[in-house]
């Protein structure tokens, strides 16, 4: 019984440690990307909202996509469940894409 409890505790601790290391790695990676960006998140949000009048930013992240550093925002609009995804070049501030995603597509992307 004691061996079982010890094994269970060890497995739990290993899982927690792995989760903390992944979170730290993700945070470190995000900090490196932010250091590369010339455009602040606040400025990128203003640009994104100018492309979706009346919209509200639900989520945003800085990521590398197809070799480019981009700010990617999910913008909701009143009266619809659809989401507008707005991608902005984090170096130049240029709008790369504005795409509509249905609620079903958004849910699928989260998985």
C-alpha atoms as a PDB file:
ATOM      1  CA  UNK A   1       0.000   0.000   0.000  1.00  0.00           C
ATOM      2  CA  UNK A   2       2.817   2.418   0.883  1.00  0.00           C
ATOM      3  CA  UNK A   3       4.605   1.584  -2.378  1.00  0.00           C
ATOM      4  CA  UNK A   4       1.410   2.340  -4.311  1.00  0.00           C
ATOM      5  CA  UNK A   5       0.995   5.715  -2.570  1.00  0.00           C
ATOM      6  CA  UNK A   6       4.661   6.532  -3.181  1.00  0.00           C
ATOM      7  CA  UNK A   7       4.353   5.619  -6.874  1.00  0.00           C
ATOM      8  CA  UNK A   8       1.181   7.683  -7.184  1.00  0.00           C
ATOM      9  CA  UNK A   9       2.785  10.721  -5.522  1.00  0.00           C
ATOM     10  CA  UNK A  10       5.879  10.394  -7.720  1.00  0.00           C
ATOM     11  CA  UNK A  11       3.755  10.276 -10.873  1.00  0.00           C
ATOM     12  CA  UNK A  12       1.764  13.297  -9.734  1.00  0.00           C
ATOM     13  CA  UNK A  13       4.911  15.315  -8.988  1.00  0.00           C
ATOM     14  CA  UNK A  14       6.446  14.385 -12.351  1.00  0.00           C
ATOM     15  CA  UNK A  15       3.284  15.544 -14.124  1.00  0.00           C
ATOM     16  CA  UNK A  16       3.250  18.845 -12.249  1.00  0.00           C
ATOM     17  CA  UNK A  17       6.928  19.455 -12.971  1.00  0.00           C
ATOM     18  CA  UNK A  18       6.412  18.768 -16.681  1.00  0.00           C
ATOM     19  CA  UNK A  19       3.488  21.183 -16.767  1.00  0.00           C
ATOM     20  CA  UNK A  20       5.501  23.924 -15.072  1.00  0.00           C
ATOM     21  CA  UNK A  21       8.434  23.429 -17.442  1.00  0.00           C
ATOM     22  CA  UNK A  22       6.138  23.609 -20.479  1.00  0.00           C
ATOM     23  CA  UNK A  23       4.549  26.814 -19.180  1.00  0.00           C
ATOM     24  CA  UNK A  24       7.976  28.344 -18.516  1.00  0.00           C
ATOM     25  CA  UNK A  25       9.213  27.319 -21.982  1.00  0.00           C
ATOM     26  CA  UNK A  26       6.115  28.853 -23.546  1.00  0.00           C
ATOM     27  CA  UNK A  27       6.593  32.079 -21.550  1.00  0.00           C
ATOM     28  CA  UNK A  28      10.295  32.260 -22.529  1.00  0.00           C
ATOM     29  CA  UNK A  29       9.428  31.652 -26.175  1.00  0.00           C
ATOM     30  CA  UNK A  30       6.759  34.382 -26.082  1.00  0.00           C
ATOM     31  CA  UNK A  31       9.243  36.823 -24.514  1.00  0.00           C
ATOM     32  CA  UNK A  32      11.733  36.128 -27.337  1.00  0.00           C
ATOM     33  CA  UNK A  33       9.060  36.779 -29.965  1.00  0.00           C
ATOM     34  CA  UNK A  34       8.031  40.022 -28.253  1.00  0.00           C
ATOM     35  CA  UNK A  35      11.670  41.173 -28.287  1.00  0.00           C
ATOM     36  CA  UNK A  36      11.715  40.672 -32.086  1.00  0.00           C
ATOM     37  CA  UNK A  37       8.451  42.559 -32.710  1.00  0.00           C
ATOM     38  CA  UNK A  38       8.691  46.192 -33.809  1.00  0.00           C
ATOM     39  CA  UNK A  39       4.928  46.741 -33.392  1.00  0.00           C
ATOM     40  CA  UNK A  40       3.493  46.719 -29.868  1.00  0.00           C
ATOM     41  CA  UNK A  41       0.447  44.653 -29.019  1.00  0.00           C
ATOM     42  CA  UNK A  42      -1.544  47.835 -28.313  1.00  0.00           C
ATOM     43  CA  UNK A  43      -0.737  49.286 -31.747  1.00  0.00           C
ATOM     44  CA  UNK A  44      -1.496  45.955 -33.427  1.00  0.00           C
ATOM     45  CA  UNK A  45      -4.867  45.799 -31.631  1.00  0.00           C
ATOM     46  CA  UNK A  46      -5.759  49.279 -32.931  1.00  0.00           C
ATOM     47  CA  UNK A  47      -4.982  48.182 -36.477  1.00  0.00           C
ATOM     48  CA  UNK A  48      -7.006  44.960 -36.059  1.00  0.00           C
ATOM     49  CA  UNK A  49     -10.023  46.829 -34.677  1.00  0.00           C
ATOM     50  CA  UNK A  50      -9.879  49.302 -37.579  1.00  0.00           C
ATOM     51  CA  UNK A  51     -10.486  46.329 -39.899  1.00  0.00           C
ATOM     52  CA  UNK A  52     -13.512  45.095 -37.902  1.00  0.00           C
ATOM     53  CA  UNK A  53     -15.641  48.144 -37.011  1.00  0.00           C
ATOM     54  CA  UNK A  54     -17.530  47.641 -33.759  1.00  0.00           C
ATOM     55  CA  UNK A  55     -15.493  44.551 -32.954  1.00  0.00           C
ATOM     56  CA  UNK A  56     -14.035  43.412 -29.653  1.00  0.00           C
ATOM     57  CA  UNK A  57     -10.789  41.483 -29.352  1.00  0.00           C
ATOM     58  CA  UNK A  58     -11.411  38.086 -27.741  1.00  0.00           C
ATOM     59  CA  UNK A  59      -7.883  36.713 -27.982  1.00  0.00           C
ATOM     60  CA  UNK A  60      -4.543  37.691 -29.375  1.00  0.00           C
ATOM     61  CA  UNK A  61      -1.107  36.201 -29.686  1.00  0.00           C
ATOM     62  CA  UNK A  62       2.266  36.816 -31.221  1.00  0.00           C
ATOM     63  CA  UNK A  63       3.417  33.908 -33.340  1.00  0.00           C
ATOM     64  CA  UNK A  64       5.621  32.851 -36.209  1.00  0.00           C
ATOM     65  CA  UNK A  65       3.575  31.739 -39.176  1.00  0.00           C
ATOM     66  CA  UNK A  66       5.131  30.787 -42.513  1.00  0.00           C
ATOM     67  CA  UNK A  67       8.372  32.403 -41.377  1.00  0.00           C
ATOM     68  CA  UNK A  68       6.732  35.744 -40.504  1.00  0.00           C
ATOM     69  CA  UNK A  69       6.288  37.217 -37.063  1.00  0.00           C
ATOM     70  CA  UNK A  70       2.629  38.167 -36.763  1.00  0.00           C
ATOM     71  CA  UNK A  71       0.098  39.408 -34.270  1.00  0.00           C
ATOM     72  CA  UNK A  72      -3.015  37.265 -34.646  1.00  0.00           C
ATOM     73  CA  UNK A  73      -6.297  38.472 -33.143  1.00  0.00           C
ATOM     74  CA  UNK A  74      -9.736  36.883 -32.877  1.00  0.00           C
ATOM     75  CA  UNK A  75     -12.263  39.697 -33.060  1.00  0.00           C
ATOM     76  CA  UNK A  76     -15.937  39.193 -32.220  1.00  0.00           C
ATOM     77  CA  UNK A  77     -18.642  41.387 -33.691  1.00  0.00           C
ATOM     78  CA  UNK A  78     -22.053  42.218 -32.260  1.00  0.00           C
ATOM     79  CA  UNK A  79     -24.982  40.289 -33.679  1.00  0.00           C
ATOM     80  CA  UNK A  80     -23.009  37.287 -34.935  1.00  0.00           C
ATOM     81  CA  UNK A  81     -21.228  34.269 -33.531  1.00  0.00           C
ATOM     82  CA  UNK A  82     -18.639  34.447 -36.302  1.00  0.00           C
ATOM     83  CA  UNK A  83     -15.103  35.536 -35.472  1.00  0.00           C
ATOM     84  CA  UNK A  84     -12.892  37.683 -37.649  1.00  0.00           C
ATOM     85  CA  UNK A  85      -9.262  36.607 -37.496  1.00  0.00           C
ATOM     86  CA  UNK A  86      -6.959  39.535 -38.230  1.00  0.00           C
ATOM     87  CA  UNK A  87      -3.251  38.920 -38.822  1.00  0.00           C
ATOM     88  CA  UNK A  88      -0.817  41.831 -38.695  1.00  0.00           C
ATOM     89  CA  UNK A  89       2.884  41.810 -39.536  1.00  0.00           C
ATOM     90  CA  UNK A  90       4.637  42.454 -36.206  1.00  0.00           C
ATOM     91  CA  UNK A  91       7.563  44.135 -37.953  1.00  0.00           C
ATOM     92  CA  UNK A  92       5.882  46.427 -40.504  1.00  0.00           C
ATOM     93  CA  UNK A  93       2.330  46.790 -39.160  1.00  0.00           C
ATOM     94  CA  UNK A  94       0.882  45.681 -42.498  1.00  0.00           C
ATOM     95  CA  UNK A  95      -2.408  43.779 -42.440  1.00  0.00           C
ATOM     96  CA  UNK A  96      -1.665  40.310 -43.777  1.00  0.00           C
ATOM     97  CA  UNK A  97      -5.144  38.788 -43.633  1.00  0.00           C
ATOM     98  CA  UNK A  98      -8.679  39.334 -42.407  1.00  0.00           C
ATOM     99  CA  UNK A  99     -10.631  36.067 -42.427  1.00  0.00           C
ATOM    100  CA  UNK A 100     -14.080  35.162 -41.173  1.00  0.00           C
ATOM    101  CA  UNK A 101     -14.331  32.023 -39.057  1.00  0.00           C
ATOM    102  CA  UNK A 102     -17.647  30.494 -38.128  1.00  0.00           C
ATOM    103  CA  UNK A 103     -18.204  29.402 -34.527  1.00  0.00           C
ATOM    104  CA  UNK A 104     -17.723  25.774 -35.658  1.00  0.00           C
ATOM    105  CA  UNK A 105     -14.398  26.566 -37.372  1.00  0.00           C
ATOM    106  CA  UNK A 106     -13.232  28.467 -34.293  1.00  0.00           C
ATOM    107  CA  UNK A 107     -14.065  25.506 -32.035  1.00  0.00           C
ATOM    108  CA  UNK A 108     -12.259  23.119 -34.378  1.00  0.00           C
ATOM    109  CA  UNK A 109      -9.164  25.352 -34.371  1.00  0.00           C
ATOM    110  CA  UNK A 110      -9.043  25.269 -30.561  1.00  0.00           C
ATOM    111  CA  UNK A 111      -8.652  21.470 -30.538  1.00  0.00           C
END
